[in-house]
Amino acid sequence: MSPSTLEFYRSMSPYELLELVNSSSSAGAEFIAIYISVLSAYLLVAYYFGDKLSSIELILFSSMYSAFCLVIVSGTYQVINSMVIILNFVQSTDNSLTLLIMIFVMALSWMLSLVFMVKRWRLR
């Protein structure tokens, strides 16, 4: 953590730190909810229409989905990373494993959903 960040956190009251943690966790939960919604929609399209898509449609749809997932995963990383930094400052413990697990699960589900779509597409 940079010295300017430490000074910024030290200048905050306990209430402000708690409010910062709460707002960061709310933002993280929103990112995860959006990700789960988009993942569910993609899996439904893959299941019902995956075998009916042409090659170009599959590439375009999967590319748009992948770009959106990249934005959501990077946003989630930034929010959870800032929350982990704040919690490390407040609790003096290392909470970075939580961040790694969340990002790993999101990236794995993204890759598996793409594999599922390609498998459904090959059934035609």
C-alpha atoms as a PDB file:
ATOM      1  CA  MET A   1       0.000   0.000   0.000  1.00  0.00           C
ATOM      2  CA  SER A   2       1.361   3.384  -0.929  1.00  0.00           C
ATOM      3  CA  PRO A   3       2.147   5.947   1.797  1.00  0.00           C
ATOM      4  CA  SER A   4      -0.451   8.367   0.444  1.00  0.00           C
ATOM      5  CA  THR A   5      -3.145   5.679   0.663  1.00  0.00           C
ATOM      6  CA  LEU A   6      -2.149   4.873   4.238  1.00  0.00           C
ATOM      7  CA  GLU A   7      -2.316   8.523   5.193  1.00  0.00           C
ATOM      8  CA  PHE A   8      -5.704   8.828   3.543  1.00  0.00           C
ATOM      9  CA  TYR A   9      -7.085   5.871   5.524  1.00  0.00           C
ATOM     10  CA  ARG A  10      -5.533   7.132   8.766  1.00  0.00           C
ATOM     11  CA  SER A  11      -7.263  10.470   8.310  1.00  0.00           C
ATOM     12  CA  MET A  12     -10.669   8.783   8.115  1.00  0.00           C
ATOM     13  CA  SER A  13     -12.895   8.176  11.114  1.00  0.00           C
ATOM     14  CA  PRO A  14     -13.985   4.604  11.945  1.00  0.00           C
ATOM     15  CA  TYR A  15     -17.448   5.434  10.632  1.00  0.00           C
ATOM     16  CA  GLU A  16     -16.019   6.591   7.292  1.00  0.00           C
ATOM     17  CA  LEU A  17     -13.934   3.426   6.991  1.00  0.00           C
ATOM     18  CA  LEU A  18     -16.979   1.255   7.704  1.00  0.00           C
ATOM     19  CA  GLU A  19     -19.026   3.219   5.186  1.00  0.00           C
ATOM     20  CA  LEU A  20     -16.281   2.742   2.594  1.00  0.00           C
ATOM     21  CA  VAL A  21     -16.214  -1.020   3.240  1.00  0.00           C
ATOM     22  CA  ASN A  22     -20.018  -1.224   3.034  1.00  0.00           C
ATOM     23  CA  SER A  23     -20.204   0.708  -0.227  1.00  0.00           C
ATOM     24  CA  SER A  24     -17.390  -1.366  -1.717  1.00  0.00           C
ATOM     25  CA  SER A  25     -19.078  -4.624  -0.730  1.00  0.00           C
ATOM     26  CA  SER A  26     -22.377  -3.392  -2.189  1.00  0.00           C
ATOM     27  CA  ALA A  27     -20.677  -2.519  -5.462  1.00  0.00           C
ATOM     28  CA  GLY A  28     -18.984  -5.927  -5.515  1.00  0.00           C
ATOM     29  CA  ALA A  29     -22.313  -7.663  -4.924  1.00  0.00           C
ATOM     30  CA  GLU A  30     -23.862  -5.680  -7.782  1.00  0.00           C
ATOM     31  CA  PHE A  31     -21.072  -6.701 -10.151  1.00  0.00           C
ATOM     32  CA  ILE A  32     -21.470 -10.348  -9.160  1.00  0.00           C
ATOM     33  CA  ALA A  33     -25.262 -10.210  -9.596  1.00  0.00           C
ATOM     34  CA  ILE A  34     -24.876  -8.719 -13.073  1.00  0.00           C
ATOM     35  CA  TYR A  35     -22.301 -11.366 -13.943  1.00  0.00           C
ATOM     36  CA  ILE A  36     -24.586 -14.205 -12.802  1.00  0.00           C
ATOM     37  CA  SER A  37     -27.486 -12.743 -14.809  1.00  0.00           C
ATOM     38  CA  VAL A  38     -25.429 -12.486 -17.989  1.00  0.00           C
ATOM     39  CA  LEU A  39     -23.931 -15.946 -17.447  1.00  0.00           C
ATOM     40  CA  SER A  40     -27.426 -17.420 -17.020  1.00  0.00           C
ATOM     41  CA  ALA A  41     -28.678 -15.694 -20.164  1.00  0.00           C
ATOM     42  CA  TYR A  42     -25.696 -16.946 -22.166  1.00  0.00           C
ATOM     43  CA  LEU A  43     -26.190 -20.510 -20.928  1.00  0.00           C
ATOM     44  CA  LEU A  44     -29.893 -20.390 -21.819  1.00  0.00           C
ATOM     45  CA  VAL A  45     -29.095 -19.167 -25.329  1.00  0.00           C
ATOM     46  CA  ALA A  46     -26.423 -21.841 -25.648  1.00  0.00           C
ATOM     47  CA  TYR A  47     -28.805 -24.569 -24.543  1.00  0.00           C
ATOM     48  CA  TYR A  48     -31.819 -23.574 -26.627  1.00  0.00           C
ATOM     49  CA  PHE A  49     -30.230 -21.990 -29.688  1.00  0.00           C
ATOM     50  CA  GLY A  50     -26.581 -23.120 -29.704  1.00  0.00           C
ATOM     51  CA  ASP A  51     -27.151 -25.794 -32.323  1.00  0.00           C
ATOM     52  CA  LYS A  52     -29.079 -23.349 -34.551  1.00  0.00           C
ATOM     53  CA  LEU A  53     -26.395 -20.629 -34.724  1.00  0.00           C
ATOM     54  CA  SER A  54     -24.191 -20.162 -37.764  1.00  0.00           C
ATOM     55  CA  SER A  55     -20.431 -19.891 -37.326  1.00  0.00           C
ATOM     56  CA  ILE A  56     -20.476 -16.103 -37.629  1.00  0.00           C
ATOM     57  CA  GLU A  57     -23.346 -15.766 -35.157  1.00  0.00           C
ATOM     58  CA  LEU A  58     -21.517 -18.005 -32.694  1.00  0.00           C
ATOM     59  CA  ILE A  59     -18.319 -15.980 -32.990  1.00  0.00           C
ATOM     60  CA  LEU A  60     -20.117 -12.615 -32.690  1.00  0.00           C
ATOM     61  CA  PHE A  61     -22.327 -13.665 -29.798  1.00  0.00           C
ATOM     62  CA  SER A  62     -19.463 -15.294 -27.899  1.00  0.00           C
ATOM     63  CA  SER A  63     -17.170 -12.320 -28.555  1.00  0.00           C
ATOM     64  CA  MET A  64     -19.732  -9.851 -27.204  1.00  0.00           C
ATOM     65  CA  TYR A  65     -20.306 -12.094 -24.200  1.00  0.00           C
ATOM     66  CA  SER A  66     -16.553 -12.429 -23.590  1.00  0.00           C
ATOM     67  CA  ALA A  67     -15.998  -8.675 -23.835  1.00  0.00           C
ATOM     68  CA  PHE A  68     -18.815  -8.029 -21.385  1.00  0.00           C
ATOM     69  CA  CYS A  69     -17.443 -10.680 -19.004  1.00  0.00           C
ATOM     70  CA  LEU A  70     -13.997  -9.119 -19.207  1.00  0.00           C
ATOM     71  CA  VAL A  71     -15.416  -5.735 -18.199  1.00  0.00           C
ATOM     72  CA  ILE A  72     -17.446  -7.224 -15.339  1.00  0.00           C
ATOM     73  CA  VAL A  73     -14.568  -9.371 -14.045  1.00  0.00           C
ATOM     74  CA  SER A  74     -12.137  -6.442 -14.140  1.00  0.00           C
ATOM     75  CA  GLY A  75     -14.661  -4.196 -12.380  1.00  0.00           C
ATOM     76  CA  THR A  76     -15.252  -6.856  -9.752  1.00  0.00           C
ATOM     77  CA  TYR A  77     -11.501  -7.216  -9.299  1.00  0.00           C
ATOM     78  CA  GLN A  78     -11.061  -3.480  -8.754  1.00  0.00           C
ATOM     79  CA  VAL A  79     -13.927  -3.228  -6.264  1.00  0.00           C
ATOM     80  CA  ILE A  80     -12.968  -6.317  -4.267  1.00  0.00           C
ATOM     81  CA  ASN A  81      -9.289  -5.345  -4.364  1.00  0.00           C
ATOM     82  CA  SER A  82     -10.067  -1.936  -2.858  1.00  0.00           C
ATOM     83  CA  MET A  83     -12.218  -3.614  -0.224  1.00  0.00           C
ATOM     84  CA  VAL A  84      -9.405  -6.071   0.600  1.00  0.00           C
ATOM     85  CA  ILE A  85      -6.934  -3.179   0.953  1.00  0.00           C
ATOM     86  CA  ILE A  86      -9.279  -1.376   3.333  1.00  0.00           C
ATOM     87  CA  LEU A  87      -9.919  -4.529   5.372  1.00  0.00           C
ATOM     88  CA  ASN A  88      -6.186  -5.237   5.526  1.00  0.00           C
ATOM     89  CA  PHE A  89      -5.700  -1.720   6.899  1.00  0.00           C
ATOM     90  CA  VAL A  90      -8.522  -1.986   9.434  1.00  0.00           C
ATOM     91  CA  GLN A  91      -7.998  -5.571  10.605  1.00  0.00           C
ATOM     92  CA  SER A  92      -4.255  -5.914   9.968  1.00  0.00           C
ATOM     93  CA  THR A  93      -4.866  -9.279   8.292  1.00  0.00           C
ATOM     94  CA  ASP A  94      -4.373 -10.505   4.747  1.00  0.00           C
ATOM     95  CA  ASN A  95      -7.702 -11.031   2.958  1.00  0.00           C
ATOM     96  CA  SER A  96      -6.285 -11.332  -0.566  1.00  0.00           C
ATOM     97  CA  LEU A  97      -7.193 -15.026  -0.853  1.00  0.00           C
ATOM     98  CA  THR A  98     -10.850 -14.002  -1.065  1.00  0.00           C
ATOM     99  CA  LEU A  99     -10.055 -11.827  -4.056  1.00  0.00           C
ATOM    100  CA  LEU A 100      -8.175 -14.598  -5.834  1.00  0.00           C
ATOM    101  CA  ILE A 101     -10.942 -17.137  -5.258  1.00  0.00           C
ATOM    102  CA  MET A 102     -13.661 -14.799  -6.559  1.00  0.00           C
ATOM    103  CA  ILE A 103     -11.756 -13.924  -9.721  1.00  0.00           C
ATOM    104  CA  PHE A 104     -10.805 -17.570 -10.310  1.00  0.00           C
ATOM    105  CA  VAL A 105     -14.430 -18.732  -9.997  1.00  0.00           C
ATOM    106  CA  MET A 106     -15.670 -15.992 -12.334  1.00  0.00           C
ATOM    107  CA  ALA A 107     -12.983 -16.704 -14.946  1.00  0.00           C
ATOM    108  CA  LEU A 108     -13.576 -20.458 -14.732  1.00  0.00           C
ATOM    109  CA  SER A 109     -17.337 -20.104 -15.170  1.00  0.00           C
ATOM    110  CA  TRP A 110     -16.761 -17.813 -18.153  1.00  0.00           C
ATOM    111  CA  MET A 111     -14.459 -20.352 -19.842  1.00  0.00           C
ATOM    112  CA  LEU A 112     -16.763 -23.292 -19.095  1.00  0.00           C
ATOM    113  CA  SER A 113     -19.753 -21.424 -20.523  1.00  0.00           C
ATOM    114  CA  LEU A 114     -17.838 -20.862 -23.774  1.00  0.00           C
ATOM    115  CA  VAL A 115     -16.972 -24.575 -23.906  1.00  0.00           C
ATOM    116  CA  PHE A 116     -20.650 -25.421 -23.342  1.00  0.00           C
ATOM    117  CA  MET A 117     -21.712 -23.144 -26.195  1.00  0.00           C
ATOM    118  CA  VAL A 118     -19.200 -24.687 -28.601  1.00  0.00           C
ATOM    119  CA  LYS A 119     -20.301 -28.208 -27.637  1.00  0.00           C
ATOM    120  CA  ARG A 120     -23.951 -27.302 -28.247  1.00  0.00           C
ATOM    121  CA  TRP A 121     -23.005 -25.687 -31.556  1.00  0.00           C
ATOM    122  CA  ARG A 122     -21.218 -28.855 -32.722  1.00  0.00           C
ATOM    123  CA  LEU A 123     -24.413 -30.894 -32.252  1.00  0.00           C
ATOM    124  CA  ARG A 124     -25.993 -29.471 -35.378  1.00  0.00           C
END
